[in-house]
């Protein structure tokens, strides 16, 4: 069974950062519900924290538009979303 969160997030992040620069997968086993995104960006004036904040907002909005939300866990309902940045050389 495919994780229904992957496609809308990949599409939205690819629109912003380029299809080849974005990878979105889900975890495996007991971490199946986790969404793990990797974005490759150029080194530029934008800080990593700004990119992470922007990409997280884009991902949340993509899910909201599709009537979805990140899975959560624990008492504090922590979102199961990991975002990694890579910098092009």
PDB file of N, CA and C in Angstrom:
ATOM      1  N   UNK A   1       0.851  -1.176   0.000  1.00  0.00           N
ATOM      2  CA  UNK A   1       0.000   0.000   0.000  1.00  0.00           C
ATOM      3  C   UNK A   1       0.895   1.238   0.000  1.00  0.00           C
ATOM      4  N   UNK A   2       0.649   2.150  -0.895  1.00  0.00           N
ATOM      5  CA  UNK A   2       1.460   3.361  -1.012  1.00  0.00           C
ATOM      6  C   UNK A   2       1.043   4.390   0.038  1.00  0.00           C
ATOM      7  N   UNK A   3       1.995   5.165   0.499  1.00  0.00           N
ATOM      8  CA  UNK A   3       1.719   6.250   1.433  1.00  0.00           C
ATOM      9  C   UNK A   3       1.139   7.412   0.630  1.00  0.00           C
ATOM     10  N   UNK A   4      -0.112   7.754   0.889  1.00  0.00           N
ATOM     11  CA  UNK A   4      -0.823   8.767   0.104  1.00  0.00           C
ATOM     12  C   UNK A   4      -0.289  10.183   0.318  1.00  0.00           C
ATOM     13  N   UNK A   5       0.601  10.372   1.261  1.00  0.00           N
ATOM     14  CA  UNK A   5       1.160  11.692   1.527  1.00  0.00           C
ATOM     15  C   UNK A   5       2.304  12.046   0.581  1.00  0.00           C
ATOM     16  N   UNK A   6       2.934  11.043   0.001  1.00  0.00           N
ATOM     17  CA  UNK A   6       4.154  11.252  -0.786  1.00  0.00           C
ATOM     18  C   UNK A   6       3.905  12.091  -2.037  1.00  0.00           C
ATOM     19  N   UNK A   7       2.946  11.706  -2.850  1.00  0.00           N
ATOM     20  CA  UNK A   7       2.737  12.349  -4.156  1.00  0.00           C
ATOM     21  C   UNK A   7       2.459  13.852  -4.061  1.00  0.00           C
ATOM     22  N   UNK A   8       1.510  14.319  -3.223  1.00  0.00           N
ATOM     23  CA  UNK A   8       1.268  15.765  -3.196  1.00  0.00           C
ATOM     24  C   UNK A   8       2.461  16.566  -2.674  1.00  0.00           C
ATOM     25  N   UNK A   9       3.208  16.001  -1.736  1.00  0.00           N
ATOM     26  CA  UNK A   9       4.389  16.695  -1.219  1.00  0.00           C
ATOM     27  C   UNK A   9       5.467  16.768  -2.290  1.00  0.00           C
ATOM     28  N   UNK A  10       5.727  15.659  -2.964  1.00  0.00           N
ATOM     29  CA  UNK A  10       6.736  15.630  -4.033  1.00  0.00           C
ATOM     30  C   UNK A  10       6.382  16.646  -5.119  1.00  0.00           C
ATOM     31  N   UNK A  11       5.136  16.674  -5.537  1.00  0.00           N
ATOM     32  CA  UNK A  11       4.701  17.575  -6.596  1.00  0.00           C
ATOM     33  C   UNK A  11       4.900  19.036  -6.193  1.00  0.00           C
ATOM     34  N   UNK A  12       4.505  19.384  -4.982  1.00  0.00           N
ATOM     35  CA  UNK A  12       4.610  20.772  -4.524  1.00  0.00           C
ATOM     36  C   UNK A  12       6.067  21.195  -4.337  1.00  0.00           C
ATOM     37  N   UNK A  13       6.875  20.331  -3.735  1.00  0.00           N
ATOM     38  CA  UNK A  13       8.284  20.685  -3.534  1.00  0.00           C
ATOM     39  C   UNK A  13       9.035  20.731  -4.864  1.00  0.00           C
ATOM     40  N   UNK A  14       8.692  19.842  -5.787  1.00  0.00           N
ATOM     41  CA  UNK A  14       9.338  19.839  -7.101  1.00  0.00           C
ATOM     42  C   UNK A  14       9.017  21.114  -7.867  1.00  0.00           C
ATOM     43  N   UNK A  15       7.820  21.632  -7.694  1.00  0.00           N
ATOM     44  CA  UNK A  15       7.444  22.884  -8.355  1.00  0.00           C
ATOM     45  C   UNK A  15       8.334  24.031  -7.866  1.00  0.00           C
ATOM     46  N   UNK A  16       8.689  24.012  -6.609  1.00  0.00           N
ATOM     47  CA  UNK A  16       9.502  25.075  -6.017  1.00  0.00           C
ATOM     48  C   UNK A  16      11.005  24.869  -6.246  1.00  0.00           C
ATOM     49  N   UNK A  17      11.469  23.618  -6.144  1.00  0.00           N
ATOM     50  CA  UNK A  17      12.913  23.348  -6.140  1.00  0.00           C
ATOM     51  C   UNK A  17      13.408  22.554  -7.347  1.00  0.00           C
ATOM     52  N   UNK A  18      12.513  22.104  -8.204  1.00  0.00           N
ATOM     53  CA  UNK A  18      12.899  21.313  -9.367  1.00  0.00           C
ATOM     54  C   UNK A  18      12.764  19.820  -9.081  1.00  0.00           C
ATOM     55  N   UNK A  19      12.172  19.096 -10.037  1.00  0.00           N
ATOM     56  CA  UNK A  19      11.863  17.679  -9.849  1.00  0.00           C
ATOM     57  C   UNK A  19      13.101  16.858  -9.480  1.00  0.00           C
ATOM     58  N   UNK A  20      14.197  17.089 -10.175  1.00  0.00           N
ATOM     59  CA  UNK A  20      15.409  16.300  -9.931  1.00  0.00           C
ATOM     60  C   UNK A  20      16.088  16.650  -8.609  1.00  0.00           C
ATOM     61  N   UNK A  21      15.697  17.749  -7.995  1.00  0.00           N
ATOM     62  CA  UNK A  21      16.305  18.182  -6.736  1.00  0.00           C
ATOM     63  C   UNK A  21      15.520  17.736  -5.503  1.00  0.00           C
ATOM     64  N   UNK A  22      14.435  17.002  -5.716  1.00  0.00           N
ATOM     65  CA  UNK A  22      13.562  16.626  -4.606  1.00  0.00           C
ATOM     66  C   UNK A  22      13.348  15.118  -4.580  1.00  0.00           C
ATOM     67  N   UNK A  23      13.508  14.551  -3.403  1.00  0.00           N
ATOM     68  CA  UNK A  23      13.193  13.144  -3.174  1.00  0.00           C
ATOM     69  C   UNK A  23      12.260  13.078  -1.969  1.00  0.00           C
ATOM     70  N   UNK A  24      11.148  12.371  -2.119  1.00  0.00           N
ATOM     71  CA  UNK A  24      10.209  12.213  -1.008  1.00  0.00           C
ATOM     72  C   UNK A  24       9.850  10.739  -0.911  1.00  0.00           C
ATOM     73  N   UNK A  25      10.130  10.149   0.237  1.00  0.00           N
ATOM     74  CA  UNK A  25       9.854   8.732   0.464  1.00  0.00           C
ATOM     75  C   UNK A  25       9.228   8.560   1.845  1.00  0.00           C
ATOM     76  N   UNK A  26       8.672   7.377   2.076  1.00  0.00           N
ATOM     77  CA  UNK A  26       8.195   7.088   3.426  1.00  0.00           C
ATOM     78  C   UNK A  26       9.155   6.108   4.096  1.00  0.00           C
ATOM     79  N   UNK A  27       9.053   6.044   5.402  1.00  0.00           N
ATOM     80  CA  UNK A  27       9.883   5.124   6.162  1.00  0.00           C
ATOM     81  C   UNK A  27       9.463   3.685   5.906  1.00  0.00           C
ATOM     82  N   UNK A  28      10.147   2.780   6.561  1.00  0.00           N
ATOM     83  CA  UNK A  28       9.799   1.367   6.410  1.00  0.00           C
ATOM     84  C   UNK A  28       9.530   0.762   7.780  1.00  0.00           C
ATOM     85  N   UNK A  29       8.861  -0.365   7.763  1.00  0.00           N
ATOM     86  CA  UNK A  29       8.539  -1.040   9.017  1.00  0.00           C
ATOM     87  C   UNK A  29       7.644  -0.184   9.899  1.00  0.00           C
ATOM     88  N   UNK A  30       8.003  -0.063  11.170  1.00  0.00           N
ATOM     89  CA  UNK A  30       7.178   0.717  12.099  1.00  0.00           C
ATOM     90  C   UNK A  30       7.249   2.212  11.820  1.00  0.00           C
ATOM     91  N   UNK A  31       8.194   2.652  10.999  1.00  0.00           N
ATOM     92  CA  UNK A  31       8.298   4.073  10.628  1.00  0.00           C
ATOM     93  C   UNK A  31       7.632   4.347   9.284  1.00  0.00           C
ATOM     94  N   UNK A  32       6.767   3.451   8.823  1.00  0.00           N
ATOM     95  CA  UNK A  32       6.146   3.572   7.508  1.00  0.00           C
ATOM     96  C   UNK A  32       5.459   4.919   7.314  1.00  0.00           C
ATOM     97  N   UNK A  33       4.820   5.459   8.332  1.00  0.00           N
ATOM     98  CA  UNK A  33       4.072   6.698   8.208  1.00  0.00           C
ATOM     99  C   UNK A  33       4.928   7.955   8.133  1.00  0.00           C
ATOM    100  N   UNK A  34       6.207   7.823   8.440  1.00  0.00           N
ATOM    101  CA  UNK A  34       7.098   8.980   8.357  1.00  0.00           C
ATOM    102  C   UNK A  34       7.274   9.397   6.902  1.00  0.00           C
ATOM    103  N   UNK A  35       7.320  10.692   6.673  1.00  0.00           N
ATOM    104  CA  UNK A  35       7.633  11.242   5.350  1.00  0.00           C
ATOM    105  C   UNK A  35       9.033  11.836   5.447  1.00  0.00           C
ATOM    106  N   UNK A  36       9.911  11.389   4.574  1.00  0.00           N
ATOM    107  CA  UNK A  36      11.308  11.814   4.578  1.00  0.00           C
ATOM    108  C   UNK A  36      11.615  12.490   3.249  1.00  0.00           C
ATOM    109  N   UNK A  37      11.819  13.803   3.290  1.00  0.00           N
ATOM    110  CA  UNK A  37      12.085  14.577   2.075  1.00  0.00           C
ATOM    111  C   UNK A  37      13.527  15.060   2.074  1.00  0.00           C
ATOM    112  N   UNK A  38      14.152  15.003   0.903  1.00  0.00           N
ATOM    113  CA  UNK A  38      15.490  15.545   0.713  1.00  0.00           C
ATOM    114  C   UNK A  38      15.442  16.534  -0.440  1.00  0.00           C
ATOM    115  N   UNK A  39      15.977  17.724  -0.208  1.00  0.00           N
ATOM    116  CA  UNK A  39      16.015  18.758  -1.230  1.00  0.00           C
ATOM    117  C   UNK A  39      17.470  19.139  -1.465  1.00  0.00           C
ATOM    118  N   UNK A  40      17.871  19.170  -2.721  1.00  0.00           N
ATOM    119  CA  UNK A  40      19.210  19.619  -3.087  1.00  0.00           C
ATOM    120  C   UNK A  40      19.101  21.043  -3.602  1.00  0.00           C
ATOM    121  N   UNK A  41      19.864  21.946  -2.982  1.00  0.00           N
ATOM    122  CA  UNK A  41      19.787  23.365  -3.326  1.00  0.00           C
ATOM    123  C   UNK A  41      21.172  23.914  -3.659  1.00  0.00           C
ATOM    124  N   UNK A  42      21.185  24.994  -4.418  1.00  0.00           N
ATOM    125  CA  UNK A  42      22.427  25.717  -4.668  1.00  0.00           C
ATOM    126  C   UNK A  42      22.824  26.466  -3.404  1.00  0.00           C
ATOM    127  N   UNK A  43      24.122  26.672  -3.245  1.00  0.00           N
ATOM    128  CA  UNK A  43      24.564  27.544  -2.161  1.00  0.00           C
ATOM    129  C   UNK A  43      24.253  28.967  -2.601  1.00  0.00           C
ATOM    130  N   UNK A  44      23.453  29.658  -1.797  1.00  0.00           N
ATOM    131  CA  UNK A  44      23.078  31.023  -2.157  1.00  0.00           C
ATOM    132  C   UNK A  44      22.879  31.851  -0.903  1.00  0.00           C
ATOM    133  N   UNK A  45      22.215  32.960  -1.033  1.00  0.00           N
ATOM    134  CA  UNK A  45      22.027  33.869   0.095  1.00  0.00           C
ATOM    135  C   UNK A  45      20.961  33.393   1.080  1.00  0.00           C
ATOM    136  N   UNK A  46      20.127  32.477   0.657  1.00  0.00           N
ATOM    137  CA  UNK A  46      19.064  31.979   1.531  1.00  0.00           C
ATOM    138  C   UNK A  46      19.667  31.025   2.561  1.00  0.00           C
ATOM    139  N   UNK A  47      19.292  31.200   3.804  1.00  0.00           N
ATOM    140  CA  UNK A  47      19.822  30.340   4.857  1.00  0.00           C
ATOM    141  C   UNK A  47      19.107  28.992   4.858  1.00  0.00           C
ATOM    142  N   UNK A  48      19.775  27.996   5.408  1.00  0.00           N
ATOM    143  CA  UNK A  48      19.164  26.672   5.513  1.00  0.00           C
ATOM    144  C   UNK A  48      17.854  26.737   6.282  1.00  0.00           C
ATOM    145  N   UNK A  49      17.815  27.518   7.347  1.00  0.00           N
ATOM    146  CA  UNK A  49      16.586  27.590   8.152  1.00  0.00           C
ATOM    147  C   UNK A  49      15.434  28.189   7.352  1.00  0.00           C
ATOM    148  N   UNK A  50      15.722  29.145   6.471  1.00  0.00           N
ATOM    149  CA  UNK A  50      14.672  29.717   5.626  1.00  0.00           C
ATOM    150  C   UNK A  50      14.163  28.692   4.620  1.00  0.00           C
ATOM    151  N   UNK A  51      15.061  27.915   4.052  1.00  0.00           N
ATOM    152  CA  UNK A  51      14.669  26.871   3.097  1.00  0.00           C
ATOM    153  C   UNK A  51      13.823  25.821   3.800  1.00  0.00           C
ATOM    154  N   UNK A  52      14.257  25.398   4.975  1.00  0.00           N
ATOM    155  CA  UNK A  52      13.517  24.383   5.732  1.00  0.00           C
ATOM    156  C   UNK A  52      12.128  24.891   6.097  1.00  0.00           C
ATOM    157  N   UNK A  53      12.039  26.123   6.565  1.00  0.00           N
ATOM    158  CA  UNK A  53      10.738  26.694   6.922  1.00  0.00           C
ATOM    159  C   UNK A  53       9.829  26.778   5.700  1.00  0.00           C
ATOM    160  N   UNK A  54      10.364  27.253   4.584  1.00  0.00           N
ATOM    161  CA  UNK A  54       9.589  27.370   3.350  1.00  0.00           C
ATOM    162  C   UNK A  54       9.121  26.001   2.854  1.00  0.00           C
ATOM    163  N   UNK A  55      10.022  25.032   2.819  1.00  0.00           N
ATOM    164  CA  UNK A  55       9.681  23.696   2.321  1.00  0.00           C
ATOM    165  C   UNK A  55       8.650  23.013   3.216  1.00  0.00           C
ATOM    166  N   UNK A  56       8.763  23.193   4.517  1.00  0.00           N
ATOM    167  CA  UNK A  56       7.800  22.608   5.445  1.00  0.00           C
ATOM    168  C   UNK A  56       6.419  23.229   5.237  1.00  0.00           C
ATOM    169  N   UNK A  57       6.378  24.538   5.034  1.00  0.00           N
ATOM    170  CA  UNK A  57       5.111  25.222   4.766  1.00  0.00           C
ATOM    171  C   UNK A  57       4.500  24.722   3.460  1.00  0.00           C
ATOM    172  N   UNK A  58       5.330  24.575   2.435  1.00  0.00           N
ATOM    173  CA  UNK A  58       4.854  24.063   1.142  1.00  0.00           C
ATOM    174  C   UNK A  58       4.277  22.662   1.306  1.00  0.00           C
ATOM    175  N   UNK A  59       4.959  21.800   2.042  1.00  0.00           N
ATOM    176  CA  UNK A  59       4.494  20.420   2.249  1.00  0.00           C
ATOM    177  C   UNK A  59       3.166  20.395   3.000  1.00  0.00           C
ATOM    178  N   UNK A  60       3.069  21.170   4.071  1.00  0.00           N
ATOM    179  CA  UNK A  60       1.811  21.218   4.836  1.00  0.00           C
ATOM    180  C   UNK A  60       0.655  21.721   3.968  1.00  0.00           C
ATOM    181  N   UNK A  61       0.912  22.768   3.184  1.00  0.00           N
ATOM    182  CA  UNK A  61      -0.128  23.347   2.325  1.00  0.00           C
ATOM    183  C   UNK A  61      -0.568  22.348   1.255  1.00  0.00           C
ATOM    184  N   UNK A  62       0.387  21.609   0.698  1.00  0.00           N
ATOM    185  CA  UNK A  62       0.046  20.601  -0.312  1.00  0.00           C
ATOM    186  C   UNK A  62      -0.882  19.542   0.276  1.00  0.00           C
ATOM    187  N   UNK A  63      -0.602  19.124   1.489  1.00  0.00           N
ATOM    188  CA  UNK A  63      -1.467  18.133   2.131  1.00  0.00           C
ATOM    189  C   UNK A  63      -2.838  18.730   2.437  1.00  0.00           C
ATOM    190  N   UNK A  64      -2.848  19.948   2.958  1.00  0.00           N
ATOM    191  CA  UNK A  64      -4.118  20.593   3.295  1.00  0.00           C
ATOM    192  C   UNK A  64      -5.016  20.706   2.070  1.00  0.00           C
ATOM    193  N   UNK A  65      -4.443  21.081   0.930  1.00  0.00           N
ATOM    194  CA  UNK A  65      -5.217  21.217  -0.307  1.00  0.00           C
ATOM    195  C   UNK A  65      -5.817  19.890  -0.754  1.00  0.00           C
ATOM    196  N   UNK A  66      -5.207  18.794  -0.326  1.00  0.00           N
ATOM    197  CA  UNK A  66      -5.693  17.459  -0.690  1.00  0.00           C
ATOM    198  C   UNK A  66      -6.471  16.793   0.444  1.00  0.00           C
ATOM    199  N   UNK A  67      -6.802  17.569   1.473  1.00  0.00           N
ATOM    200  CA  UNK A  67      -7.569  17.039   2.595  1.00  0.00           C
ATOM    201  C   UNK A  67      -6.793  16.057   3.446  1.00  0.00           C
ATOM    202  N   UNK A  68      -5.469  16.203   3.463  1.00  0.00           N
ATOM    203  CA  UNK A  68      -4.604  15.292   4.206  1.00  0.00           C
ATOM    204  C   UNK A  68      -3.813  16.058   5.258  1.00  0.00           C
ATOM    205  N   UNK A  69      -3.159  15.339   6.137  1.00  0.00           N
ATOM    206  CA  UNK A  69      -2.224  15.941   7.077  1.00  0.00           C
ATOM    207  C   UNK A  69      -1.172  14.900   7.435  1.00  0.00           C
ATOM    208  N   UNK A  70      -0.061  15.386   7.968  1.00  0.00           N
ATOM    209  CA  UNK A  70       0.990  14.463   8.395  1.00  0.00           C
ATOM    210  C   UNK A  70       0.460  13.560   9.492  1.00  0.00           C
ATOM    211  N   UNK A  71       0.921  12.320   9.507  1.00  0.00           N
ATOM    212  CA  UNK A  71       0.638  11.454  10.641  1.00  0.00           C
ATOM    213  C   UNK A  71       1.350  12.041  11.848  1.00  0.00           C
ATOM    214  N   UNK A  72       0.820  11.791  13.023  1.00  0.00           N
ATOM    215  CA  UNK A  72       1.445  12.285  14.244  1.00  0.00           C
ATOM    216  C   UNK A  72       1.652  11.128  15.211  1.00  0.00           C
ATOM    217  N   UNK A  73       2.487  11.376  16.206  1.00  0.00           N
ATOM    218  CA  UNK A  73       2.699  10.356  17.218  1.00  0.00           C
ATOM    219  C   UNK A  73       2.932  11.026  18.564  1.00  0.00           C
ATOM    220  N   UNK A  74       2.755  10.284  19.611  1.00  0.00           N
ATOM    221  CA  UNK A  74       3.087  10.750  20.949  1.00  0.00           C
ATOM    222  C   UNK A  74       2.062  11.697  21.544  1.00  0.00           C
ATOM    223  N   UNK A  75       2.346  12.081  22.743  1.00  0.00           N
ATOM    224  CA  UNK A  75       1.452  12.945  23.507  1.00  0.00           C
ATOM    225  C   UNK A  75       1.319  14.318  22.865  1.00  0.00           C
ATOM    226  N   UNK A  76       2.413  14.832  22.294  1.00  0.00           N
ATOM    227  CA  UNK A  76       2.404  16.180  21.722  1.00  0.00           C
ATOM    228  C   UNK A  76       2.015  16.206  20.250  1.00  0.00           C
ATOM    229  N   UNK A  77       1.585  15.085  19.691  1.00  0.00           N
ATOM    230  CA  UNK A  77       1.204  15.003  18.282  1.00  0.00           C
ATOM    231  C   UNK A  77       2.294  15.549  17.358  1.00  0.00           C
ATOM    232  N   UNK A  78       3.524  15.124  17.571  1.00  0.00           N
ATOM    233  CA  UNK A  78       4.649  15.540  16.744  1.00  0.00           C
ATOM    234  C   UNK A  78       4.458  15.012  15.329  1.00  0.00           C
ATOM    235  N   UNK A  79       4.625  15.900  14.329  1.00  0.00           N
ATOM    236  CA  UNK A  79       4.464  15.494  12.928  1.00  0.00           C
ATOM    237  C   UNK A  79       5.590  14.562  12.507  1.00  0.00           C
ATOM    238  N   UNK A  80       5.240  13.579  11.728  1.00  0.00           N
ATOM    239  CA  UNK A  80       6.202  12.607  11.237  1.00  0.00           C
ATOM    240  C   UNK A  80       6.727  13.062   9.876  1.00  0.00           C
ATOM    241  N   UNK A  81       7.546  14.134   9.897  1.00  0.00           N
ATOM    242  CA  UNK A  81       8.095  14.706   8.670  1.00  0.00           C
ATOM    243  C   UNK A  81       9.557  15.043   8.902  1.00  0.00           C
ATOM    244  N   UNK A  82      10.421  14.458   8.095  1.00  0.00           N
ATOM    245  CA  UNK A  82      11.852  14.735   8.162  1.00  0.00           C
ATOM    246  C   UNK A  82      12.246  15.466   6.890  1.00  0.00           C
ATOM    247  N   UNK A  83      13.007  16.535   7.025  1.00  0.00           N
ATOM    248  CA  UNK A  83      13.431  17.299   5.876  1.00  0.00           C
ATOM    249  C   UNK A  83      14.956  17.446   5.915  1.00  0.00           C
ATOM    250  N   UNK A  84      15.606  16.968   4.863  1.00  0.00           N
ATOM    251  CA  UNK A  84      17.059  17.031   4.761  1.00  0.00           C
ATOM    252  C   UNK A  84      17.449  17.965   3.629  1.00  0.00           C
ATOM    253  N   UNK A  85      18.516  18.706   3.818  1.00  0.00           N
ATOM    254  CA  UNK A  85      19.033  19.578   2.777  1.00  0.00           C
ATOM    255  C   UNK A  85      20.395  19.087   2.317  1.00  0.00           C
ATOM    256  N   UNK A  86      20.602  19.128   1.039  1.00  0.00           N
ATOM    257  CA  UNK A  86      21.928  18.874   0.454  1.00  0.00           C
ATOM    258  C   UNK A  86      22.282  20.104  -0.344  1.00  0.00           C
ATOM    259  N   UNK A  87      23.561  20.443  -0.353  1.00  0.00           N
ATOM    260  CA  UNK A  87      24.023  21.589  -1.131  1.00  0.00           C
ATOM    261  C   UNK A  87      24.806  21.107  -2.335  1.00  0.00           C
ATOM    262  N   UNK A  88      24.501  21.697  -3.492  1.00  0.00           N
ATOM    263  CA  UNK A  88      25.265  21.394  -4.693  1.00  0.00           C
ATOM    264  C   UNK A  88      26.651  21.987  -4.526  1.00  0.00           C
ATOM    265  N   UNK A  89      27.636  21.297  -5.047  1.00  0.00           N
ATOM    266  CA  UNK A  89      29.020  21.798  -4.943  1.00  0.00           C
ATOM    267  C   UNK A  89      29.259  22.965  -5.846  1.00  0.00           C
TER     268      UNK A  89
END
